Amino acid sequence: QVQLVESGGGLVQAGESLSVSCVASGIIYSIGVMGWYRQAPGKEREMVATITGSGSAEYADAVKDRFTISRDNAKKTVWLQMNSLKPEDTAVYYCNVDSLVTPRYRYREVWGQGTVVTVSS
């Protein structure tokens, strides 16, 4: 069984930094684009950052120059380093993989359970 397990959320003050990580568990042959999305209270889920297997990253305008996404293919892990956090970054952060190949199945759009990031002013 395949799972995405996130960790690292928490409560920080504005201007501080926080890192969240996501590990894909299970027997996995390959992983496609990995990404972080977030959903603030009362708002729709939005893309924060994505990264391809070769390391090409894209960011939402709201987080450019503050957040950095990275991944380790061998460790099946993706990280999101968040600097200069703002109260408006408060949300549940979800890990996502657009494609994941196991010995039996090819999964599409796999989501983690989410980790809460709260930024106080």
PDB file of N, CA and C in Angstrom:
ATOM      1  N   GLN A   1       0.844  -1.190   0.000  1.00  0.00           N
ATOM      2  CA  GLN A   1       0.000   0.000   0.000  1.00  0.00           C
ATOM      3  C   GLN A   1       0.879   1.240   0.000  1.00  0.00           C
ATOM      4  N   VAL A   2       0.483   2.229  -0.769  1.00  0.00           N
ATOM      5  CA  VAL A   2       1.267   3.450  -0.908  1.00  0.00           C
ATOM      6  C   VAL A   2       0.683   4.542  -0.032  1.00  0.00           C
ATOM      7  N   GLN A   3       1.562   5.263   0.622  1.00  0.00           N
ATOM      8  CA  GLN A   3       1.137   6.389   1.439  1.00  0.00           C
ATOM      9  C   GLN A   3       2.110   7.532   1.307  1.00  0.00           C
ATOM     10  N   LEU A   4       1.607   8.739   1.449  1.00  0.00           N
ATOM     11  CA  LEU A   4       2.445   9.934   1.581  1.00  0.00           C
ATOM     12  C   LEU A   4       2.290  10.409   3.018  1.00  0.00           C
ATOM     13  N   VAL A   5       3.413  10.469   3.719  1.00  0.00           N
ATOM     14  CA  VAL A   5       3.384  10.833   5.136  1.00  0.00           C
ATOM     15  C   VAL A   5       4.120  12.144   5.324  1.00  0.00           C
ATOM     16  N   GLU A   6       3.376  13.155   5.771  1.00  0.00           N
ATOM     17  CA  GLU A   6       3.960  14.476   5.980  1.00  0.00           C
ATOM     18  C   GLU A   6       4.352  14.654   7.439  1.00  0.00           C
ATOM     19  N   SER A   7       5.303  15.540   7.645  1.00  0.00           N
ATOM     20  CA  SER A   7       5.690  15.909   9.008  1.00  0.00           C
ATOM     21  C   SER A   7       6.326  17.283   8.987  1.00  0.00           C
ATOM     22  N   GLY A   8       6.393  17.893  10.163  1.00  0.00           N
ATOM     23  CA  GLY A   8       7.131  19.140  10.298  1.00  0.00           C
ATOM     24  C   GLY A   8       6.305  20.384  10.468  1.00  0.00           C
ATOM     25  N   GLY A   9       4.989  20.273  10.428  1.00  0.00           N
ATOM     26  CA  GLY A   9       4.178  21.468  10.635  1.00  0.00           C
ATOM     27  C   GLY A   9       4.276  21.949  12.071  1.00  0.00           C
ATOM     28  N   GLY A  10       3.705  23.108  12.323  1.00  0.00           N
ATOM     29  CA  GLY A  10       3.717  23.634  13.678  1.00  0.00           C
ATOM     30  C   GLY A  10       3.324  25.077  13.734  1.00  0.00           C
ATOM     31  N   LEU A  11       3.585  25.683  14.900  1.00  0.00           N
ATOM     32  CA  LEU A  11       3.248  27.080  15.144  1.00  0.00           C
ATOM     33  C   LEU A  11       4.529  27.904  15.205  1.00  0.00           C
ATOM     34  N   VAL A  12       4.592  28.944  14.395  1.00  0.00           N
ATOM     35  CA  VAL A  12       5.738  29.846  14.403  1.00  0.00           C
ATOM     36  C   VAL A  12       5.239  31.285  14.372  1.00  0.00           C
ATOM     37  N   GLN A  13       6.147  32.195  14.651  1.00  0.00           N
ATOM     38  CA  GLN A  13       5.814  33.612  14.567  1.00  0.00           C
ATOM     39  C   GLN A  13       6.173  34.142  13.185  1.00  0.00           C
ATOM     40  N   ALA A  14       5.532  35.220  12.830  1.00  0.00           N
ATOM     41  CA  ALA A  14       5.801  35.850  11.540  1.00  0.00           C
ATOM     42  C   ALA A  14       7.291  36.170  11.425  1.00  0.00           C
ATOM     43  N   GLY A  15       7.832  35.890  10.247  1.00  0.00           N
ATOM     44  CA  GLY A  15       9.248  36.133  10.008  1.00  0.00           C
ATOM     45  C   GLY A  15      10.144  34.941  10.259  1.00  0.00           C
ATOM     46  N   GLU A  16       9.607  33.947  10.931  1.00  0.00           N
ATOM     47  CA  GLU A  16      10.402  32.751  11.229  1.00  0.00           C
ATOM     48  C   GLU A  16      10.351  31.755  10.073  1.00  0.00           C
ATOM     49  N   SER A  17      11.091  30.658  10.245  1.00  0.00           N
ATOM     50  CA  SER A  17      11.184  29.631   9.207  1.00  0.00           C
ATOM     51  C   SER A  17      10.645  28.308   9.722  1.00  0.00           C
ATOM     52  N   LEU A  18      10.256  27.475   8.778  1.00  0.00           N
ATOM     53  CA  LEU A  18       9.746  26.146   9.102  1.00  0.00           C
ATOM     54  C   LEU A  18       9.954  25.256   7.884  1.00  0.00           C
ATOM     55  N   SER A  19      10.220  23.997   8.136  1.00  0.00           N
ATOM     56  CA  SER A  19      10.375  23.044   7.043  1.00  0.00           C
ATOM     57  C   SER A  19       9.396  21.892   7.233  1.00  0.00           C
ATOM     58  N   VAL A  20       8.770  21.491   6.155  1.00  0.00           N
ATOM     59  CA  VAL A  20       7.893  20.330   6.177  1.00  0.00           C
ATOM     60  C   VAL A  20       8.440  19.301   5.200  1.00  0.00           C
ATOM     61  N   SER A  21       8.206  18.040   5.513  1.00  0.00           N
ATOM     62  CA  SER A  21       8.709  16.972   4.656  1.00  0.00           C
ATOM     63  C   SER A  21       7.612  15.963   4.375  1.00  0.00           C
ATOM     64  N   CYS A  22       7.818  15.197   3.318  1.00  0.00           N
ATOM     65  CA  CYS A  22       6.833  14.200   2.902  1.00  0.00           C
ATOM     66  C   CYS A  22       7.576  13.003   2.332  1.00  0.00           C
ATOM     67  N   VAL A  23       7.289  11.838   2.889  1.00  0.00           N
ATOM     68  CA  VAL A  23       7.923  10.607   2.440  1.00  0.00           C
ATOM     69  C   VAL A  23       6.877   9.690   1.827  1.00  0.00           C
ATOM     70  N   ALA A  24       7.209   9.148   0.677  1.00  0.00           N
ATOM     71  CA  ALA A  24       6.340   8.155   0.044  1.00  0.00           C
ATOM     72  C   ALA A  24       6.751   6.779   0.536  1.00  0.00           C
ATOM     73  N   SER A  25       5.815   6.073   1.135  1.00  0.00           N
ATOM     74  CA  SER A  25       6.132   4.755   1.682  1.00  0.00           C
ATOM     75  C   SER A  25       5.576   3.666   0.777  1.00  0.00           C
ATOM     76  N   GLY A  26       6.187   2.495   0.861  1.00  0.00           N
ATOM     77  CA  GLY A  26       5.759   1.372   0.033  1.00  0.00           C
ATOM     78  C   GLY A  26       6.805   1.051  -1.016  1.00  0.00           C
ATOM     79  N   ILE A  27       6.565  -0.037  -1.744  1.00  0.00           N
ATOM     80  CA  ILE A  27       7.470  -0.423  -2.826  1.00  0.00           C
ATOM     81  C   ILE A  27       7.092   0.397  -4.047  1.00  0.00           C
ATOM     82  N   ILE A  28       7.985   1.287  -4.448  1.00  0.00           N
ATOM     83  CA  ILE A  28       7.686   2.267  -5.498  1.00  0.00           C
ATOM     84  C   ILE A  28       8.772   2.222  -6.551  1.00  0.00           C
ATOM     85  N   TYR A  29       8.366   2.098  -7.801  1.00  0.00           N
ATOM     86  CA  TYR A  29       9.334   2.088  -8.888  1.00  0.00           C
ATOM     87  C   TYR A  29       9.705   3.504  -9.319  1.00  0.00           C
ATOM     88  N   SER A  30       8.723   4.355  -9.405  1.00  0.00           N
ATOM     89  CA  SER A  30       9.018   5.723  -9.841  1.00  0.00           C
ATOM     90  C   SER A  30       7.955   6.681  -9.327  1.00  0.00           C
ATOM     91  N   ILE A  31       8.374   7.924  -9.191  1.00  0.00           N
ATOM     92  CA  ILE A  31       7.487   8.993  -8.724  1.00  0.00           C
ATOM     93  C   ILE A  31       7.569  10.149  -9.706  1.00  0.00           C
ATOM     94  N   GLY A  32       6.430  10.678 -10.078  1.00  0.00           N
ATOM     95  CA  GLY A  32       6.395  11.799 -11.005  1.00  0.00           C
ATOM     96  C   GLY A  32       6.617  13.123 -10.300  1.00  0.00           C
ATOM     97  N   VAL A  33       5.849  14.105 -10.703  1.00  0.00           N
ATOM     98  CA  VAL A  33       5.970  15.433 -10.096  1.00  0.00           C
ATOM     99  C   VAL A  33       5.485  15.384  -8.651  1.00  0.00           C
ATOM    100  N   MET A  34       6.303  15.913  -7.759  1.00  0.00           N
ATOM    101  CA  MET A  34       5.915  16.017  -6.349  1.00  0.00           C
ATOM    102  C   MET A  34       5.629  17.484  -6.043  1.00  0.00           C
ATOM    103  N   GLY A  35       4.693  17.700  -5.163  1.00  0.00           N
ATOM    104  CA  GLY A  35       4.344  19.089  -4.898  1.00  0.00           C
ATOM    105  C   GLY A  35       3.743  19.296  -3.534  1.00  0.00           C
ATOM    106  N   TRP A  36       3.660  20.559  -3.178  1.00  0.00           N
ATOM    107  CA  TRP A  36       3.006  20.977  -1.945  1.00  0.00           C
ATOM    108  C   TRP A  36       1.848  21.893  -2.304  1.00  0.00           C
ATOM    109  N   TYR A  37       0.734  21.638  -1.692  1.00  0.00           N
ATOM    110  CA  TYR A  37      -0.467  22.451  -1.834  1.00  0.00           C
ATOM    111  C   TYR A  37      -0.896  22.877  -0.433  1.00  0.00           C
ATOM    112  N   ARG A  38      -1.714  23.904  -0.365  1.00  0.00           N
ATOM    113  CA  ARG A  38      -2.194  24.325   0.943  1.00  0.00           C
ATOM    114  C   ARG A  38      -3.648  24.764   0.856  1.00  0.00           C
ATOM    115  N   GLN A  39      -4.301  24.647   1.984  1.00  0.00           N
ATOM    116  CA  GLN A  39      -5.690  25.073   2.065  1.00  0.00           C
ATOM    117  C   GLN A  39      -5.891  25.825   3.371  1.00  0.00           C
ATOM    118  N   ALA A  40      -6.185  27.100   3.236  1.00  0.00           N
ATOM    119  CA  ALA A  40      -6.458  27.937   4.393  1.00  0.00           C
ATOM    120  C   ALA A  40      -7.944  27.837   4.740  1.00  0.00           C
ATOM    121  N   PRO A  41      -8.296  28.148   5.976  1.00  0.00           N
ATOM    122  CA  PRO A  41      -9.711  28.075   6.371  1.00  0.00           C
ATOM    123  C   PRO A  41     -10.596  28.921   5.466  1.00  0.00           C
ATOM    124  N   GLY A  42     -11.639  28.309   4.945  1.00  0.00           N
ATOM    125  CA  GLY A  42     -12.579  29.031   4.102  1.00  0.00           C
ATOM    126  C   GLY A  42     -12.123  29.278   2.679  1.00  0.00           C
ATOM    127  N   LYS A  43     -10.967  28.724   2.323  1.00  0.00           N
ATOM    128  CA  LYS A  43     -10.440  28.941   0.976  1.00  0.00           C
ATOM    129  C   LYS A  43     -10.237  27.619   0.264  1.00  0.00           C
ATOM    130  N   GLU A  44     -10.072  27.699  -1.054  1.00  0.00           N
ATOM    131  CA  GLU A  44      -9.819  26.506  -1.834  1.00  0.00           C
ATOM    132  C   GLU A  44      -8.351  26.088  -1.732  1.00  0.00           C
ATOM    133  N   ARG A  45      -8.107  24.821  -1.993  1.00  0.00           N
ATOM    134  CA  ARG A  45      -6.737  24.337  -2.005  1.00  0.00           C
ATOM    135  C   ARG A  45      -5.992  24.980  -3.174  1.00  0.00           C
ATOM    136  N   GLU A  46      -4.747  25.382  -2.918  1.00  0.00           N
ATOM    137  CA  GLU A  46      -3.956  26.027  -3.951  1.00  0.00           C
ATOM    138  C   GLU A  46      -2.565  25.433  -4.014  1.00  0.00           C
ATOM    139  N   MET A  47      -1.976  25.493  -5.197  1.00  0.00           N
ATOM    140  CA  MET A  47      -0.622  25.007  -5.382  1.00  0.00           C
ATOM    141  C   MET A  47       0.358  25.972  -4.718  1.00  0.00           C
ATOM    142  N   VAL A  48       1.322  25.411  -4.025  1.00  0.00           N
ATOM    143  CA  VAL A  48       2.389  26.198  -3.425  1.00  0.00           C
ATOM    144  C   VAL A  48       3.671  26.051  -4.243  1.00  0.00           C
ATOM    145  N   ALA A  49       4.070  24.801  -4.475  1.00  0.00           N
ATOM    146  CA  ALA A  49       5.290  24.542  -5.232  1.00  0.00           C
ATOM    147  C   ALA A  49       5.261  23.115  -5.744  1.00  0.00           C
ATOM    148  N   THR A  50       5.876  22.912  -6.911  1.00  0.00           N
ATOM    149  CA  THR A  50       6.011  21.571  -7.469  1.00  0.00           C
ATOM    150  C   THR A  50       7.432  21.373  -7.966  1.00  0.00           C
ATOM    151  N   ILE A  51       7.836  20.111  -8.057  1.00  0.00           N
ATOM    152  CA  ILE A  51       9.183  19.811  -8.521  1.00  0.00           C
ATOM    153  C   ILE A  51       9.156  18.503  -9.297  1.00  0.00           C
ATOM    154  N   THR A  52       9.803  18.500 -10.452  1.00  0.00           N
ATOM    155  CA  THR A  52       9.873  17.295 -11.267  1.00  0.00           C
ATOM    156  C   THR A  52      10.982  16.379 -10.767  1.00  0.00           C
ATOM    157  N   GLY A  53      11.032  15.200 -11.329  1.00  0.00           N
ATOM    158  CA  GLY A  53      12.069  14.257 -10.943  1.00  0.00           C
ATOM    159  C   GLY A  53      13.471  14.737 -11.272  1.00  0.00           C
ATOM    160  N   SER A  54      13.592  15.613 -12.242  1.00  0.00           N
ATOM    161  CA  SER A  54      14.897  16.153 -12.615  1.00  0.00           C
ATOM    162  C   SER A  54      15.220  17.439 -11.874  1.00  0.00           C
ATOM    163  N   GLY A  55      14.312  17.876 -11.004  1.00  0.00           N
ATOM    164  CA  GLY A  55      14.597  19.021 -10.150  1.00  0.00           C
ATOM    165  C   GLY A  55      14.074  20.359 -10.628  1.00  0.00           C
ATOM    166  N   SER A  56      13.263  20.367 -11.649  1.00  0.00           N
ATOM    167  CA  SER A  56      12.699  21.632 -12.118  1.00  0.00           C
ATOM    168  C   SER A  56      11.529  22.028 -11.232  1.00  0.00           C
ATOM    169  N   ALA A  57      11.606  23.217 -10.658  1.00  0.00           N
ATOM    170  CA  ALA A  57      10.615  23.653  -9.669  1.00  0.00           C
ATOM    171  C   ALA A  57       9.787  24.820 -10.176  1.00  0.00           C
ATOM    172  N   GLU A  58       8.560  24.868  -9.682  1.00  0.00           N
ATOM    173  CA  GLU A  58       7.675  25.999  -9.936  1.00  0.00           C
ATOM    174  C   GLU A  58       7.062  26.423  -8.618  1.00  0.00           C
ATOM    175  N   TYR A  59       6.786  27.713  -8.512  1.00  0.00           N
ATOM    176  CA  TYR A  59       6.264  28.267  -7.274  1.00  0.00           C
ATOM    177  C   TYR A  59       5.069  29.168  -7.544  1.00  0.00           C
ATOM    178  N   ALA A  60       4.185  29.219  -6.579  1.00  0.00           N
ATOM    179  CA  ALA A  60       3.125  30.214  -6.609  1.00  0.00           C
ATOM    180  C   ALA A  60       3.747  31.581  -6.377  1.00  0.00           C
ATOM    181  N   ASP A  61       3.162  32.602  -6.981  1.00  0.00           N
ATOM    182  CA  ASP A  61       3.708  33.955  -6.837  1.00  0.00           C
ATOM    183  C   ASP A  61       3.793  34.370  -5.378  1.00  0.00           C
ATOM    184  N   ALA A  62       2.841  33.922  -4.564  1.00  0.00           N
ATOM    185  CA  ALA A  62       2.781  34.347  -3.164  1.00  0.00           C
ATOM    186  C   ALA A  62       3.959  33.846  -2.332  1.00  0.00           C
ATOM    187  N   VAL A  63       4.657  32.815  -2.812  1.00  0.00           N
ATOM    188  CA  VAL A  63       5.731  32.229  -2.012  1.00  0.00           C
ATOM    189  C   VAL A  63       7.092  32.319  -2.684  1.00  0.00           C
ATOM    190  N   LYS A  64       7.131  32.818  -3.904  1.00  0.00           N
ATOM    191  CA  LYS A  64       8.415  32.941  -4.601  1.00  0.00           C
ATOM    192  C   LYS A  64       9.387  33.746  -3.760  1.00  0.00           C
ATOM    193  N   ASP A  65      10.634  33.327  -3.770  1.00  0.00           N
ATOM    194  CA  ASP A  65      11.730  33.986  -3.051  1.00  0.00           C
ATOM    195  C   ASP A  65      11.658  33.773  -1.548  1.00  0.00           C
ATOM    196  N   ARG A  66      10.625  33.072  -1.059  1.00  0.00           N
ATOM    197  CA  ARG A  66      10.547  32.770   0.377  1.00  0.00           C
ATOM    198  C   ARG A  66      10.579  31.263   0.634  1.00  0.00           C
ATOM    199  N   PHE A  67       9.969  30.490  -0.248  1.00  0.00           N
ATOM    200  CA  PHE A  67       9.889  29.046  -0.076  1.00  0.00           C
ATOM    201  C   PHE A  67      10.795  28.346  -1.076  1.00  0.00           C
ATOM    202  N   THR A  68      11.330  27.199  -0.669  1.00  0.00           N
ATOM    203  CA  THR A  68      12.159  26.378  -1.551  1.00  0.00           C
ATOM    204  C   THR A  68      11.710  24.931  -1.457  1.00  0.00           C
ATOM    205  N   ILE A  69      11.417  24.341  -2.604  1.00  0.00           N
ATOM    206  CA  ILE A  69      11.048  22.934  -2.659  1.00  0.00           C
ATOM    207  C   ILE A  69      12.251  22.132  -3.142  1.00  0.00           C
ATOM    208  N   SER A  70      12.424  20.951  -2.564  1.00  0.00           N
ATOM    209  CA  SER A  70      13.513  20.067  -2.981  1.00  0.00           C
ATOM    210  C   SER A  70      13.052  18.620  -2.808  1.00  0.00           C
ATOM    211  N   ARG A  71      13.765  17.711  -3.462  1.00  0.00           N
ATOM    212  CA  ARG A  71      13.400  16.302  -3.354  1.00  0.00           C
ATOM    213  C   ARG A  71      14.634  15.431  -3.465  1.00  0.00           C
ATOM    214  N   ASP A  72      14.507  14.261  -2.901  1.00  0.00           N
ATOM    215  CA  ASP A  72      15.534  13.234  -3.008  1.00  0.00           C
ATOM    216  C   ASP A  72      14.838  11.995  -3.567  1.00  0.00           C
ATOM    217  N   ASN A  73      15.120  11.671  -4.814  1.00  0.00           N
ATOM    218  CA  ASN A  73      14.417  10.556  -5.459  1.00  0.00           C
ATOM    219  C   ASN A  73      14.718   9.218  -4.790  1.00  0.00           C
ATOM    220  N   ALA A  74      15.941   9.037  -4.358  1.00  0.00           N
ATOM    221  CA  ALA A  74      16.302   7.768  -3.715  1.00  0.00           C
ATOM    222  C   ALA A  74      15.573   7.591  -2.392  1.00  0.00           C
ATOM    223  N   LYS A  75      15.363   8.690  -1.683  1.00  0.00           N
ATOM    224  CA  LYS A  75      14.678   8.637  -0.395  1.00  0.00           C
ATOM    225  C   LYS A  75      13.169   8.805  -0.547  1.00  0.00           C
ATOM    226  N   LYS A  76      12.708   9.036  -1.776  1.00  0.00           N
ATOM    227  CA  LYS A  76      11.269   9.221  -2.039  1.00  0.00           C
ATOM    228  C   LYS A  76      10.695  10.316  -1.142  1.00  0.00           C
ATOM    229  N   THR A  77      11.447  11.379  -1.027  1.00  0.00           N
ATOM    230  CA  THR A  77      11.095  12.445  -0.090  1.00  0.00           C
ATOM    231  C   THR A  77      11.092  13.801  -0.787  1.00  0.00           C
ATOM    232  N   VAL A  78      10.150  14.639  -0.401  1.00  0.00           N
ATOM    233  CA  VAL A  78      10.110  16.023  -0.854  1.00  0.00           C
ATOM    234  C   VAL A  78      10.017  16.926   0.374  1.00  0.00           C
ATOM    235  N   TRP A  79      10.733  18.044   0.311  1.00  0.00           N
ATOM    236  CA  TRP A  79      10.741  19.003   1.397  1.00  0.00           C
ATOM    237  C   TRP A  79      10.229  20.351   0.900  1.00  0.00           C
ATOM    238  N   LEU A  80       9.743  21.121   1.856  1.00  0.00           N
ATOM    239  CA  LEU A  80       9.393  22.511   1.575  1.00  0.00           C
ATOM    240  C   LEU A  80       9.987  23.359   2.689  1.00  0.00           C
ATOM    241  N   GLN A  81      10.985  24.147   2.341  1.00  0.00           N
ATOM    242  CA  GLN A  81      11.599  25.057   3.300  1.00  0.00           C
ATOM    243  C   GLN A  81      10.882  26.394   3.177  1.00  0.00           C
ATOM    244  N   MET A  82      10.321  26.847   4.278  1.00  0.00           N
ATOM    245  CA  MET A  82       9.532  28.074   4.273  1.00  0.00           C
ATOM    246  C   MET A  82      10.216  29.119   5.141  1.00  0.00           C
ATOM    247  N   ASN A  83      10.632  30.204   4.517  1.00  0.00           N
ATOM    248  CA  ASN A  83      11.287  31.294   5.221  1.00  0.00           C
ATOM    249  C   ASN A  83      10.407  32.541   5.209  1.00  0.00           C
ATOM    250  N   SER A  84      10.718  33.452   6.103  1.00  0.00           N
ATOM    251  CA  SER A  84       9.984  34.728   6.182  1.00  0.00           C
ATOM    252  C   SER A  84       8.476  34.487   6.177  1.00  0.00           C
ATOM    253  N   LEU A  85       8.047  33.588   7.029  1.00  0.00           N
ATOM    254  CA  LEU A  85       6.632  33.213   7.035  1.00  0.00           C
ATOM    255  C   LEU A  85       5.748  34.381   7.441  1.00  0.00           C
ATOM    256  N   LYS A  86       4.569  34.393   6.845  1.00  0.00           N
ATOM    257  CA  LYS A  86       3.583  35.434   7.091  1.00  0.00           C
ATOM    258  C   LYS A  86       2.296  34.807   7.640  1.00  0.00           C
ATOM    259  N   PRO A  87       1.502  35.563   8.352  1.00  0.00           N
ATOM    260  CA  PRO A  87       0.234  35.000   8.848  1.00  0.00           C
ATOM    261  C   PRO A  87      -0.630  34.424   7.731  1.00  0.00           C
ATOM    262  N   GLU A  88      -0.559  35.006   6.568  1.00  0.00           N
ATOM    263  CA  GLU A  88      -1.356  34.495   5.440  1.00  0.00           C
ATOM    264  C   GLU A  88      -0.850  33.161   4.888  1.00  0.00           C
ATOM    265  N   ASP A  89       0.287  32.687   5.387  1.00  0.00           N
ATOM    266  CA  ASP A  89       0.768  31.356   5.026  1.00  0.00           C
ATOM    267  C   ASP A  89       0.110  30.278   5.891  1.00  0.00           C
ATOM    268  N   THR A  90      -0.654  30.679   6.873  1.00  0.00           N
ATOM    269  CA  THR A  90      -1.337  29.724   7.742  1.00  0.00           C
ATOM    270  C   THR A  90      -2.304  28.873   6.927  1.00  0.00           C
ATOM    271  N   ALA A  91      -2.138  27.550   7.025  1.00  0.00           N
ATOM    272  CA  ALA A  91      -2.955  26.632   6.236  1.00  0.00           C
ATOM    273  C   ALA A  91      -2.601  25.198   6.604  1.00  0.00           C
ATOM    274  N   VAL A  92      -3.398  24.287   6.073  1.00  0.00           N
ATOM    275  CA  VAL A  92      -3.011  22.881   6.087  1.00  0.00           C
ATOM    276  C   VAL A  92      -2.225  22.640   4.801  1.00  0.00           C
ATOM    277  N   TYR A  93      -1.029  22.110   4.949  1.00  0.00           N
ATOM    278  CA  TYR A  93      -0.163  21.865   3.810  1.00  0.00           C
ATOM    279  C   TYR A  93      -0.234  20.383   3.437  1.00  0.00           C
ATOM    280  N   TYR A  94      -0.503  20.137   2.166  1.00  0.00           N
ATOM    281  CA  TYR A  94      -0.668  18.779   1.668  1.00  0.00           C
ATOM    282  C   TYR A  94       0.421  18.443   0.661  1.00  0.00           C
ATOM    283  N   CYS A  95       0.956  17.249   0.805  1.00  0.00           N
ATOM    284  CA  CYS A  95       1.897  16.716  -0.167  1.00  0.00           C
ATOM    285  C   CYS A  95       1.109  16.033  -1.279  1.00  0.00           C
ATOM    286  N   ASN A  96       1.606  16.145  -2.486  1.00  0.00           N
ATOM    287  CA  ASN A  96       0.936  15.530  -3.638  1.00  0.00           C
ATOM    288  C   ASN A  96       1.946  14.930  -4.595  1.00  0.00           C
ATOM    289  N   VAL A  97       1.576  13.805  -5.176  1.00  0.00           N
ATOM    290  CA  VAL A  97       2.355  13.195  -6.252  1.00  0.00           C
ATOM    291  C   VAL A  97       1.406  12.974  -7.415  1.00  0.00           C
ATOM    292  N   ASP A  98       1.790  13.405  -8.598  1.00  0.00           N
ATOM    293  CA  ASP A  98       0.858  13.289  -9.723  1.00  0.00           C
ATOM    294  C   ASP A  98       0.857  11.891 -10.338  1.00  0.00           C
ATOM    295  N   SER A  99       1.926  11.135 -10.139  1.00  0.00           N
ATOM    296  CA  SER A  99       2.012   9.792 -10.704  1.00  0.00           C
ATOM    297  C   SER A  99       2.978   8.971  -9.871  1.00  0.00           C
ATOM    298  N   LEU A 100       2.586   7.739  -9.576  1.00  0.00           N
ATOM    299  CA  LEU A 100       3.393   6.899  -8.708  1.00  0.00           C
ATOM    300  C   LEU A 100       3.228   5.460  -9.178  1.00  0.00           C
ATOM    301  N   VAL A 101       4.337   4.823  -9.527  1.00  0.00           N
ATOM    302  CA  VAL A 101       4.284   3.475 -10.094  1.00  0.00           C
ATOM    303  C   VAL A 101       4.787   2.460  -9.078  1.00  0.00           C
ATOM    304  N   THR A 102       3.944   1.462  -8.786  1.00  0.00           N
ATOM    305  CA  THR A 102       4.316   0.358  -7.905  1.00  0.00           C
ATOM    306  C   THR A 102       4.335  -0.925  -8.730  1.00  0.00           C
ATOM    307  N   PRO A 103       4.730  -2.053  -8.139  1.00  0.00           N
ATOM    308  CA  PRO A 103       4.737  -3.312  -8.906  1.00  0.00           C
ATOM    309  C   PRO A 103       3.373  -3.690  -9.477  1.00  0.00           C
ATOM    310  N   ARG A 104       2.295  -3.196  -8.849  1.00  0.00           N
ATOM    311  CA  ARG A 104       0.974  -3.639  -9.301  1.00  0.00           C
ATOM    312  C   ARG A 104       0.157  -2.542  -9.962  1.00  0.00           C
ATOM    313  N   TYR A 105       0.354  -1.301  -9.543  1.00  0.00           N
ATOM    314  CA  TYR A 105      -0.523  -0.230 -10.013  1.00  0.00           C
ATOM    315  C   TYR A 105       0.270   1.016 -10.371  1.00  0.00           C
ATOM    316  N   ARG A 106      -0.385   1.832 -11.197  1.00  0.00           N
ATOM    317  CA  ARG A 106       0.079   3.196 -11.430  1.00  0.00           C
ATOM    318  C   ARG A 106      -0.959   4.108 -10.812  1.00  0.00           C
ATOM    319  N   TYR A 107      -0.565   4.792  -9.742  1.00  0.00           N
ATOM    320  CA  TYR A 107      -1.468   5.684  -9.036  1.00  0.00           C
ATOM    321  C   TYR A 107      -1.385   7.081  -9.636  1.00  0.00           C
ATOM    322  N   ARG A 108      -2.533   7.756  -9.627  1.00  0.00           N
ATOM    323  CA  ARG A 108      -2.601   9.154 -10.072  1.00  0.00           C
ATOM    324  C   ARG A 108      -3.076  10.013  -8.913  1.00  0.00           C
ATOM    325  N   GLU A 109      -2.462  11.197  -8.795  1.00  0.00           N
ATOM    326  CA  GLU A 109      -2.900  12.190  -7.809  1.00  0.00           C
ATOM    327  C   GLU A 109      -3.034  11.593  -6.411  1.00  0.00           C
ATOM    328  N   VAL A 110      -1.918  11.269  -5.849  1.00  0.00           N
ATOM    329  CA  VAL A 110      -1.875  10.753  -4.481  1.00  0.00           C
ATOM    330  C   VAL A 110      -1.656  11.922  -3.520  1.00  0.00           C
ATOM    331  N   TRP A 111      -2.411  11.920  -2.432  1.00  0.00           N
ATOM    332  CA  TRP A 111      -2.340  13.026  -1.467  1.00  0.00           C
ATOM    333  C   TRP A 111      -1.940  12.511  -0.082  1.00  0.00           C
ATOM    334  N   GLY A 112      -1.212  13.341   0.628  1.00  0.00           N
ATOM    335  CA  GLY A 112      -0.941  13.056   2.022  1.00  0.00           C
ATOM    336  C   GLY A 112      -2.095  13.517   2.891  1.00  0.00           C
ATOM    337  N   GLN A 113      -1.965  13.287   4.186  1.00  0.00           N
ATOM    338  CA  GLN A 113      -3.049  13.611   5.107  1.00  0.00           C
ATOM    339  C   GLN A 113      -3.050  15.072   5.516  1.00  0.00           C
ATOM    340  N   GLY A 114      -1.968  15.766   5.250  1.00  0.00           N
ATOM    341  CA  GLY A 114      -1.884  17.186   5.575  1.00  0.00           C
ATOM    342  C   GLY A 114      -1.177  17.440   6.889  1.00  0.00           C
ATOM    343  N   THR A 115      -0.493  18.563   6.953  1.00  0.00           N
ATOM    344  CA  THR A 115       0.153  19.002   8.188  1.00  0.00           C
ATOM    345  C   THR A 115      -0.150  20.488   8.375  1.00  0.00           C
ATOM    346  N   VAL A 116      -0.447  20.857   9.601  1.00  0.00           N
ATOM    347  CA  VAL A 116      -0.906  22.217   9.868  1.00  0.00           C
ATOM    348  C   VAL A 116       0.271  23.149  10.122  1.00  0.00           C
ATOM    349  N   VAL A 117       0.267  24.265   9.431  1.00  0.00           N
ATOM    350  CA  VAL A 117       1.241  25.321   9.651  1.00  0.00           C
ATOM    351  C   VAL A 117       0.474  26.569  10.091  1.00  0.00           C
ATOM    352  N   THR A 118       0.845  27.076  11.254  1.00  0.00           N
ATOM    353  CA  THR A 118       0.192  28.268  11.782  1.00  0.00           C
ATOM    354  C   THR A 118       1.235  29.337  12.019  1.00  0.00           C
ATOM    355  N   VAL A 119       1.002  30.513  11.458  1.00  0.00           N
ATOM    356  CA  VAL A 119       1.935  31.627  11.605  1.00  0.00           C
ATOM    357  C   VAL A 119       1.224  32.743  12.363  1.00  0.00           C
ATOM    358  N   SER A 120       1.733  33.066  13.523  1.00  0.00           N
ATOM    359  CA  SER A 120       1.117  34.113  14.339  1.00  0.00           C
ATOM    360  C   SER A 120       1.764  35.457  14.042  1.00  0.00           C
ATOM    361  N   SER A 121       0.984  36.509  14.192  1.00  0.00           N
ATOM    362  CA  SER A 121       1.500  37.854  13.897  1.00  0.00           C
ATOM    363  C   SER A 121       2.126  38.497  15.116  1.00  0.00           C
TER     364      SER A 121
END
